[in-house]
Protein backbone atom coordinates (compact mmCIF):
# COMPACT_ATOMS: atom_id res chain seq x y z
CA UNK A 1 0.14 6.74 -109.01
CA UNK A 2 2.90 8.38 -111.03
CA UNK A 3 4.03 6.92 -114.35
CA UNK A 4 7.39 5.19 -114.37
CA UNK A 5 10.05 6.78 -116.63
CA UNK A 6 11.11 4.48 -119.45
CA UNK A 7 13.67 6.95 -120.87
CA UNK A 8 15.81 9.59 -119.15
CA UNK A 9 17.96 11.94 -121.21
CA UNK A 10 20.39 13.77 -118.92
CA UNK A 11 22.17 16.90 -120.26
CA UNK A 12 22.95 15.24 -123.60
CA UNK A 13 25.07 17.01 -126.20
CA UNK A 14 26.36 15.53 -129.45
CA UNK A 15 29.29 17.14 -131.24
CA UNK A 16 30.55 16.35 -134.73
CA UNK A 17 33.80 17.65 -136.20
CA UNK A 18 33.41 19.09 -139.69
CA UNK A 19 36.59 19.21 -141.75
CA UNK A 20 37.09 21.99 -144.29
CA UNK A 21 39.84 20.24 -146.25
CA UNK A 22 38.24 17.96 -148.80
CA UNK A 23 41.11 15.76 -149.99
CA UNK A 24 44.02 13.74 -148.61
CA UNK A 25 46.44 16.18 -150.23
CA UNK A 26 44.83 19.15 -148.48
CA UNK A 27 44.90 17.32 -145.15
CA UNK A 28 48.62 16.57 -145.52
CA UNK A 29 49.40 20.17 -146.47
CA UNK A 30 47.35 21.48 -143.55
CA UNK A 31 48.55 18.88 -141.03
CA UNK A 32 50.24 21.39 -138.71
CA UNK A 33 47.32 23.79 -138.99
CA UNK A 34 44.56 21.24 -138.53
CA UNK A 35 42.64 23.33 -136.00
CA UNK A 36 42.09 26.05 -138.60
CA UNK A 37 40.53 23.62 -141.06
CA UNK A 38 37.87 22.04 -138.90
CA UNK A 39 35.00 23.23 -136.78
CA UNK A 40 32.66 21.76 -134.21
CA UNK A 41 29.00 21.22 -135.04
CA UNK A 42 26.58 20.47 -132.20
CA UNK A 43 23.66 18.35 -133.36
CA UNK A 44 22.33 18.34 -129.77
CA UNK A 45 22.94 20.86 -126.99
CA UNK A 46 22.23 20.12 -123.31
CA UNK A 47 19.02 18.15 -123.88
CA UNK A 48 17.17 17.09 -120.72
CA UNK A 49 13.93 15.15 -120.87
CA UNK A 50 12.07 12.29 -119.28
CA UNK A 51 9.63 9.98 -121.07
CA UNK A 52 7.08 8.16 -118.96
CA UNK A 53 5.85 4.66 -119.78
CA UNK A 54 2.64 4.53 -121.80
CA UNK A 55 3.01 7.94 -123.44
CA UNK A 56 3.35 8.87 -127.12
CA UNK A 57 5.87 11.65 -127.73
CA UNK A 58 6.27 13.59 -130.97
CA UNK A 59 9.57 15.22 -131.94
CA UNK A 60 9.15 18.10 -134.40
CA UNK A 61 11.29 20.90 -135.76
CA UNK A 62 12.83 22.18 -138.99
CA UNK A 63 15.34 20.11 -140.96
CA UNK A 64 18.66 19.92 -139.12
CA UNK A 65 17.13 20.68 -135.72
CA UNK A 66 18.39 17.45 -134.12
CA UNK A 67 15.25 15.28 -134.14
CA UNK A 68 16.82 12.20 -135.72
CA UNK A 69 20.01 12.60 -133.70
CA UNK A 70 18.02 12.66 -130.47
CA UNK A 71 16.05 9.58 -131.52
CA UNK A 72 19.30 7.74 -132.33
CA UNK A 73 20.74 8.73 -128.95
CA UNK A 74 17.64 7.39 -127.21
CA UNK A 75 17.93 4.19 -129.22
CA UNK A 76 21.62 3.75 -128.41
CA UNK A 77 22.62 3.97 -132.08
CA UNK A 78 24.98 6.86 -131.33
CA UNK A 79 26.72 7.79 -128.09
CA UNK A 80 26.39 11.35 -126.77
CA UNK A 81 29.53 13.48 -126.52
CA UNK A 82 28.46 14.55 -123.03
CA UNK A 83 25.59 13.52 -120.81
CA UNK A 84 23.83 10.17 -120.60
CA UNK A 85 20.73 8.29 -121.74
CA UNK A 86 19.02 5.74 -119.51
CA UNK A 87 16.51 3.35 -121.03
CA UNK A 88 14.67 0.31 -119.78
CA UNK A 89 12.52 -2.40 -121.34
CA UNK A 90 12.48 -4.03 -124.77
CA UNK A 91 13.04 -1.53 -127.60
CA UNK A 92 12.31 -1.61 -131.33
CA UNK A 93 13.53 1.15 -133.63
CA UNK A 94 12.71 2.24 -137.18
CA UNK A 95 15.30 4.94 -137.64
CA UNK A 96 16.49 4.83 -141.25
CA UNK A 97 15.27 3.16 -144.40
CA UNK A 98 16.89 -0.29 -144.52
CA UNK A 99 18.72 0.12 -141.22
CA UNK A 100 19.49 -3.26 -139.68
CA UNK A 101 19.04 -5.10 -142.99
CA UNK A 102 21.87 -6.75 -144.90
CA UNK A 103 21.36 -6.16 -148.63
CA UNK A 104 22.79 -9.54 -149.68
CA UNK A 105 20.49 -11.54 -147.41
CA UNK A 106 16.92 -12.49 -148.24
CA UNK A 107 13.94 -10.96 -146.52
CA UNK A 108 13.49 -14.15 -144.50
CA UNK A 109 17.12 -14.11 -143.34
CA UNK A 110 16.86 -10.42 -142.48
CA UNK A 111 13.77 -11.03 -140.35
CA UNK A 112 15.80 -13.38 -138.15
CA UNK A 113 18.83 -11.05 -138.19
CA UNK A 114 16.80 -7.94 -137.33
CA UNK A 115 14.80 -9.69 -134.62
CA UNK A 116 17.99 -11.03 -133.02
CA UNK A 117 19.40 -7.48 -132.88
CA UNK A 118 16.20 -6.49 -131.05
CA UNK A 119 16.71 -9.27 -128.52
CA UNK A 120 14.62 -12.19 -129.80
CA UNK A 121 15.91 -15.75 -130.01
CA UNK A 122 15.56 -17.74 -133.23
CA UNK A 123 12.79 -19.82 -131.64
CA UNK A 124 10.87 -16.69 -130.60
CA UNK A 125 11.25 -15.20 -134.09
CA UNK A 126 10.04 -18.43 -135.70
CA UNK A 127 6.89 -18.32 -133.57
CA UNK A 128 6.09 -14.83 -134.92
CA UNK A 129 7.32 -15.34 -138.48
CA UNK A 130 3.96 -15.99 -140.17
CA UNK A 131 2.45 -12.94 -138.45
CA UNK A 132 5.39 -10.82 -139.64
CA UNK A 133 5.04 -12.12 -143.19
CA UNK A 134 1.28 -11.53 -143.27
CA UNK A 135 1.57 -8.01 -141.84
CA UNK A 136 4.31 -7.01 -144.29
CA UNK A 137 2.43 -8.23 -147.36
CA UNK A 138 5.77 -9.11 -148.97
CA UNK A 139 4.52 -12.57 -150.01
CA UNK A 140 6.83 -14.57 -152.25
CA UNK A 141 9.47 -11.81 -152.18
CA UNK A 142 10.37 -12.87 -148.64
CA UNK A 143 12.99 -15.18 -150.19
CA UNK A 144 14.44 -12.46 -152.46
CA UNK A 145 17.59 -10.53 -151.52
CA UNK A 146 16.51 -7.23 -150.00
CA UNK A 147 18.87 -5.26 -152.25
CA UNK A 148 16.20 -5.80 -154.90
CA UNK A 149 13.42 -4.40 -152.68
CA UNK A 150 11.74 -1.06 -153.29
CA UNK A 151 11.76 1.49 -150.48
CA UNK A 152 8.15 0.58 -149.72
CA UNK A 153 9.02 -3.11 -149.35
CA UNK A 154 11.89 -2.22 -147.00
CA UNK A 155 9.53 -0.27 -144.77
CA UNK A 156 6.85 -2.97 -144.84
CA UNK A 157 9.24 -5.65 -143.64
CA UNK A 158 11.09 -3.47 -141.13
CA UNK A 159 7.87 -2.23 -139.53
CA UNK A 160 6.41 -5.75 -139.43
CA UNK A 161 9.47 -7.02 -137.54
CA UNK A 162 9.54 -4.05 -135.16
CA UNK A 163 5.92 -4.38 -134.06
CA UNK A 164 6.09 -8.15 -133.57
CA UNK A 165 9.07 -8.26 -131.19
CA UNK A 166 6.77 -7.16 -128.35
CA UNK A 167 8.52 -3.82 -127.64
CA UNK A 168 7.95 -1.70 -124.56
CA UNK A 169 9.44 1.27 -126.45
CA UNK A 170 8.97 1.94 -130.18
CA UNK A 171 11.08 4.60 -131.95
CA UNK A 172 9.88 5.76 -135.39
CA UNK A 173 11.73 8.25 -137.59
CA UNK A 174 9.57 9.43 -140.51
CA UNK A 175 9.66 6.00 -142.20
CA UNK A 176 5.86 5.85 -142.44
CA UNK A 177 6.01 8.49 -145.16
CA UNK A 178 7.47 5.90 -147.56
CA UNK A 179 4.82 3.16 -147.67
CA UNK A 180 1.64 3.22 -149.77
CA UNK A 181 -1.59 4.63 -148.34
CA UNK A 182 -3.11 1.26 -147.38
CA UNK A 183 0.03 0.17 -145.53
CA UNK A 184 0.34 3.54 -143.78
CA UNK A 185 -3.19 3.05 -142.45
CA UNK A 186 -2.28 -0.45 -141.26
CA UNK A 187 0.78 0.96 -139.47
CA UNK A 188 -1.21 3.76 -137.83
CA UNK A 189 -3.83 1.25 -136.67
CA UNK A 190 -1.06 -0.87 -135.13
CA UNK A 191 0.40 2.18 -133.37
CA UNK A 192 -3.03 2.98 -131.91
CA UNK A 193 -3.27 -0.62 -130.68
CA UNK A 194 0.12 -0.18 -129.00
CA UNK A 195 -1.16 3.00 -127.36
CA UNK A 196 -4.20 1.15 -126.00
CA UNK A 197 -1.85 -1.52 -124.62
CA UNK A 198 0.15 1.14 -122.74
CA UNK A 199 3.35 0.93 -124.77
CA UNK A 200 5.65 3.94 -125.20
CA UNK A 201 6.18 5.51 -128.63
CA UNK A 202 8.57 8.26 -129.71
CA UNK A 203 7.75 9.56 -133.18
CA UNK A 204 9.58 11.94 -135.53
CA UNK A 205 7.29 13.29 -138.22
CA UNK A 206 6.93 16.28 -140.54
CA UNK A 207 3.22 15.44 -140.84
CA UNK A 208 1.97 17.69 -138.07
CA UNK A 209 -1.55 16.27 -138.16
CA UNK A 210 -0.05 12.93 -137.03
CA UNK A 211 1.57 14.70 -134.09
CA UNK A 212 -1.64 16.41 -132.96
CA UNK A 213 -3.86 13.36 -133.47
CA UNK A 214 -1.58 10.66 -132.04
CA UNK A 215 0.71 12.25 -129.45
CA UNK A 216 0.04 13.12 -125.82
CA UNK A 217 3.08 15.41 -125.75
CA UNK A 218 5.31 17.08 -128.33
CA UNK A 219 8.83 18.48 -128.20
CA UNK A 220 10.05 21.22 -130.56
CA UNK A 221 13.77 21.24 -131.34
CA UNK A 222 15.78 23.98 -133.01
CA UNK A 223 19.53 23.89 -133.66
CA UNK A 224 19.94 20.98 -131.27
CA UNK A 225 18.08 22.51 -128.32
CA UNK A 226 14.63 21.87 -126.86
CA UNK A 227 12.66 25.09 -127.29
CA UNK A 228 9.22 23.79 -126.30
CA UNK A 229 7.93 20.71 -124.47
CA UNK A 230 4.22 20.29 -123.85
CA UNK A 231 0.81 20.03 -125.50
CA UNK A 232 1.01 18.91 -129.17
CA UNK A 233 -1.30 21.68 -130.43
CA UNK A 234 0.79 24.29 -128.62
CA UNK A 235 3.97 22.74 -130.01
CA UNK A 236 2.65 22.95 -133.57
CA UNK A 237 1.69 26.60 -133.00
CA UNK A 238 5.22 27.35 -131.77
CA UNK A 239 6.72 25.65 -134.82
CA UNK A 240 4.40 27.45 -137.23
CA UNK A 241 5.10 30.80 -135.57
CA UNK A 242 8.55 30.71 -137.16
CA UNK A 243 10.31 30.70 -133.82
CA UNK A 244 11.91 27.29 -134.34
CA UNK A 245 13.30 28.22 -137.75
CA UNK A 246 14.85 31.51 -136.62
CA UNK A 247 15.96 30.78 -133.06
CA UNK A 248 19.48 31.79 -132.13
CA UNK A 249 21.20 30.39 -129.09
CA UNK A 250 21.77 33.63 -127.25
CA UNK A 251 20.38 35.57 -124.30
CA UNK A 252 17.39 36.72 -126.37
CA UNK A 253 16.06 33.19 -126.87
CA UNK A 254 13.59 33.38 -123.99
CA UNK A 255 12.11 36.60 -125.38
CA UNK A 256 11.64 34.98 -128.78
CA UNK A 257 9.98 31.96 -127.21
CA UNK A 258 7.60 34.19 -125.23
CA UNK A 259 6.67 35.95 -128.45
CA UNK A 260 6.11 32.64 -130.19
CA UNK A 261 3.89 31.44 -127.35
CA UNK A 262 1.83 34.63 -127.33
CA UNK A 263 -0.50 33.30 -130.03
CA UNK A 264 -0.85 30.00 -128.15
CA UNK A 265 -2.09 31.94 -125.12
CA UNK A 266 -4.67 33.78 -127.25
CA UNK A 267 -6.42 30.66 -128.49
CA UNK A 268 -6.08 27.21 -129.98
CA UNK A 269 -7.95 24.59 -131.97
CA UNK A 270 -8.65 21.57 -129.77
CA UNK A 271 -10.57 19.29 -132.14
CA UNK A 272 -11.73 19.10 -135.74
CA UNK A 273 -14.35 16.58 -136.86
CA UNK A 274 -16.42 15.77 -139.93
CA UNK A 275 -20.11 15.13 -139.25
CA UNK A 276 -23.00 13.93 -141.39
CA UNK A 277 -26.63 14.97 -141.64
CA UNK A 278 -27.41 13.26 -138.31
CA UNK A 279 -24.85 15.40 -136.49
CA UNK A 280 -22.69 12.36 -135.64
CA UNK A 281 -19.05 11.95 -136.68
CA UNK A 282 -18.80 10.39 -140.12
CA UNK A 283 -15.83 9.50 -142.32
CA UNK A 284 -17.47 8.21 -145.51
CA UNK A 285 -20.03 9.97 -147.73
CA UNK A 286 -21.71 9.74 -151.11
CA UNK A 287 -21.57 12.65 -153.51
CA UNK A 288 -24.51 14.94 -152.78
CA UNK A 289 -24.62 14.18 -149.04
CA UNK A 290 -24.71 16.94 -146.45
CA UNK A 291 -21.25 17.40 -144.90
CA UNK A 292 -20.28 19.63 -141.99
CA UNK A 293 -16.90 20.45 -140.47
CA UNK A 294 -16.97 21.26 -136.75
CA UNK A 295 -14.06 23.09 -135.14
CA UNK A 296 -13.67 23.22 -131.36
CA UNK A 297 -11.88 26.33 -130.11
CA UNK A 298 -10.47 27.40 -126.78
CA UNK A 299 -9.62 31.05 -126.08
CA UNK A 300 -8.25 31.58 -122.54
CA UNK A 301 -8.28 35.34 -123.13
CA UNK A 302 -11.05 37.36 -124.69
CA UNK A 303 -10.93 37.83 -128.48
CA UNK A 304 -13.15 40.70 -129.57
CA UNK A 305 -12.36 40.13 -133.25
CA UNK A 306 -11.86 36.64 -134.61
CA UNK A 307 -12.61 34.39 -137.54
CA UNK A 308 -12.20 30.77 -138.59
CA UNK A 309 -10.86 29.55 -141.92
CA UNK A 310 -11.24 26.23 -143.72
CA UNK A 311 -9.79 24.65 -146.81
CA UNK A 312 -10.40 21.20 -148.21
CA UNK A 313 -7.68 19.58 -150.33
CA UNK A 314 -7.48 16.53 -152.53
CA UNK A 315 -4.76 13.87 -151.91
CA UNK A 316 -2.32 15.87 -154.08
CA UNK A 317 -2.63 18.86 -151.74
CA UNK A 318 -4.60 20.88 -154.31
CA UNK A 319 -7.31 23.19 -153.01
CA UNK A 320 -10.83 21.97 -153.82
CA UNK A 321 -12.79 24.54 -151.83
CA UNK A 322 -12.23 26.94 -148.98
CA UNK A 323 -13.76 29.82 -147.06
CA UNK A 324 -13.51 31.87 -143.89
CA UNK A 325 -16.27 32.94 -141.54
CA UNK A 326 -15.61 36.49 -142.78
CA UNK A 327 -15.96 35.57 -146.47
CA UNK A 328 -19.29 33.89 -145.59
CA UNK A 329 -20.48 37.15 -143.96
CA UNK A 330 -20.69 35.65 -140.46
CA UNK A 331 -20.99 38.21 -137.66
CA UNK A 332 -19.22 36.84 -134.59
CA UNK A 333 -19.39 38.11 -131.05
CA UNK A 334 -16.64 38.04 -128.45
CA UNK A 335 -14.84 34.72 -128.07
CA UNK A 336 -13.81 33.69 -124.58
CA UNK A 337 -13.44 30.14 -123.34
CA UNK A 338 -14.64 27.20 -125.39
CA UNK A 339 -16.65 27.43 -128.60
CA UNK A 340 -17.67 25.26 -131.55
CA UNK A 341 -17.65 26.65 -135.10
CA UNK A 342 -19.32 24.82 -137.98
CA UNK A 343 -18.90 24.99 -141.75
CA UNK A 344 -21.88 23.36 -143.50
CA UNK A 345 -21.75 22.03 -147.05
CA UNK A 346 -25.30 20.98 -148.01
CA UNK A 347 -25.54 18.53 -150.91
CA UNK A 348 -21.76 18.66 -151.31
CA UNK A 349 -20.87 17.79 -154.90
CA UNK A 350 -17.45 16.24 -154.35
CA UNK A 351 -16.11 13.65 -156.74
CA UNK A 352 -14.94 10.30 -155.40
CA UNK A 353 -11.74 10.22 -153.37
CA UNK A 354 -10.23 11.23 -150.05
CA UNK A 355 -10.21 14.85 -148.91
CA UNK A 356 -8.09 16.51 -146.22
CA UNK A 357 -9.35 19.30 -143.97
CA UNK A 358 -7.17 22.19 -142.74
CA UNK A 359 -8.53 24.81 -140.33
CA UNK A 360 -7.20 28.03 -138.82
CA UNK A 361 -8.20 30.51 -136.11
CA UNK A 362 -7.49 34.18 -136.84
CA UNK A 363 -7.59 37.27 -134.67
CA UNK A 364 -7.77 40.95 -135.55
CA UNK A 365 -6.58 41.99 -139.03
CA UNK A 366 -6.48 38.31 -140.05
CA UNK A 367 -3.54 37.51 -137.77
CA UNK A 368 -3.23 33.72 -137.59
CA UNK A 369 -3.46 32.46 -134.02
CA UNK A 370 -3.63 28.71 -134.64
CA UNK A 371 -3.64 26.36 -137.62
CA UNK A 372 -4.02 22.59 -137.90
CA UNK A 373 -3.03 21.22 -141.30
CA UNK A 374 -4.73 17.99 -142.40
CA UNK A 375 -6.59 17.94 -139.11
CA UNK A 376 -8.99 15.28 -140.35
CA UNK A 377 -10.20 13.73 -143.58
CA UNK A 378 -13.25 12.19 -145.21
CA UNK A 379 -13.94 9.96 -148.21
CA UNK A 380 -16.52 10.32 -150.97
CA UNK A 381 -17.39 6.96 -152.46
CA UNK A 382 -19.15 7.38 -155.79
CA UNK A 383 -18.60 9.78 -158.66
CA UNK A 384 -22.00 9.49 -160.34
CA UNK A 385 -20.48 8.72 -163.73
CA UNK A 386 -17.97 11.58 -163.79
CA UNK A 387 -14.42 11.98 -162.53
CA UNK A 388 -12.50 14.74 -160.79
CA UNK A 389 -12.75 16.67 -157.52
CA UNK A 390 -16.18 18.11 -158.36
CA UNK A 391 -19.25 16.19 -159.44
CA UNK A 392 -21.12 17.83 -162.33
CA UNK A 393 -24.52 17.11 -163.84
CA UNK A 394 -22.87 16.14 -167.10
CA UNK A 395 -24.91 14.49 -169.85
CA UNK A 396 -24.02 13.03 -173.24
CA UNK A 397 -25.73 12.66 -176.56
CA UNK A 398 -24.62 11.84 -180.08
CA UNK A 399 -26.32 12.38 -183.42
CA UNK A 400 -25.14 9.96 -186.04
CA UNK A 401 -25.44 10.61 -189.75
CA UNK A 402 -26.26 14.31 -189.59
C-alpha cells in the first residue's frame, strides 16, 4: 500500500523585490527610474516535491539556500509567487523564535492564543494545559509576560504547545539549537515518539548528525533550487562536497551534481555505534572502561586503497583524541560491498562528560569519500578525583613545617 501524500509542493517559486534606494528622498528622486533601482531575488525557484505521511524529511543547505522559505511556504506563512502548496491534516509549526507569541501577554495567555492559531478550541487547550506546562518546565513564569522570557524559555513553551496540539504534520526550523541540553534531549525524544506514531515531520537543521540519525529522506537546497533529494547520508555527502555552496543555475549544473555524487557512489558510512567490552551498544561508561567505535561501510564499487578516520570531541567541539587506520599502521585489503571497521580504546582514560564521535571514509591519497560529523556520542560518568578531558593518575602530598 502506497503512503498518502500529506504535502504537495507544485512548481513553487518565491520572488522578493530588493530596492537599492535606501531612503524616502532617494525613492522620490528615482521615482521615474524605479526599475533601475530594484532587482528581483528568488528565494525559491521551481520547487517540486511530495511528502508522504509518516515520513521525516530533513532540509539542508548553506545559509540563504531557501530552507526556511520553503518551510514557511509549506506552513502557509508566506504565499508563493508562482506555483501552489497543498497540505492536509492538523499542522504545528516552530518556524521562528517567538513566532505566534504576543510579547505583552503572559505565557498562559500565549498558550491559549498559540493553540487557537493551530486550530484548538479553548476547551481542548485547557484539557492539555497541565501537560504543556509540565513539558515546558516554565513553572511559575507561566504567568509572566513573555517579553521577559529568555530565548530558551520561548522555545520551551512554543515546543510544548506545538507537540500537544496533536499535529499530523510538524514543521521545525532550527529552534532546537536554542534550548539547553536537557530540554533538547526531551524534544528529540518527543520527536522520536511522533515518528513511532506515524506523524510527519519536516526539519531544518545545520546539525547534520540530526539529519542522518532522524530523517528517512533529506533534501539539499542551493540558491532556491532542489539539487538533491534522497538518502540522508548521500545528501550530507553532496552538501559536504561543496557542490551546494558553489552551484550556479546554468546548463552546467547537472555536470556539477554528477561530480558531487561521484564520491557518494564510491562509498558511504551507513552506521556508527559505540560498544562496550561485551560487544553490545553502550552509551555510558566509567573512566578506564574499554570503549570501541564501530563504523559500518558500504562501497558499491571496489576501493583498492582506503582508510577510515576517527576523532572524538568534547562538548565544546575541541579534539580530545583522533586517529586514522593509516596512522595506526593498519594494512587494509580491497573494500567492496559492506564492511565493519572498529577503533578500540582499551582502558580509555577519559574524564567525566559527554563526547561526540566523528568518522570519515577516505580513498586513495586521502581523498575524503564520506564523513559523518557527531555521528554518535557517549558519556563518561566519573572523573576519579580529577577534572578535564583526560583522567590522570594524579596524587597529592604536603609537607608542613619543613
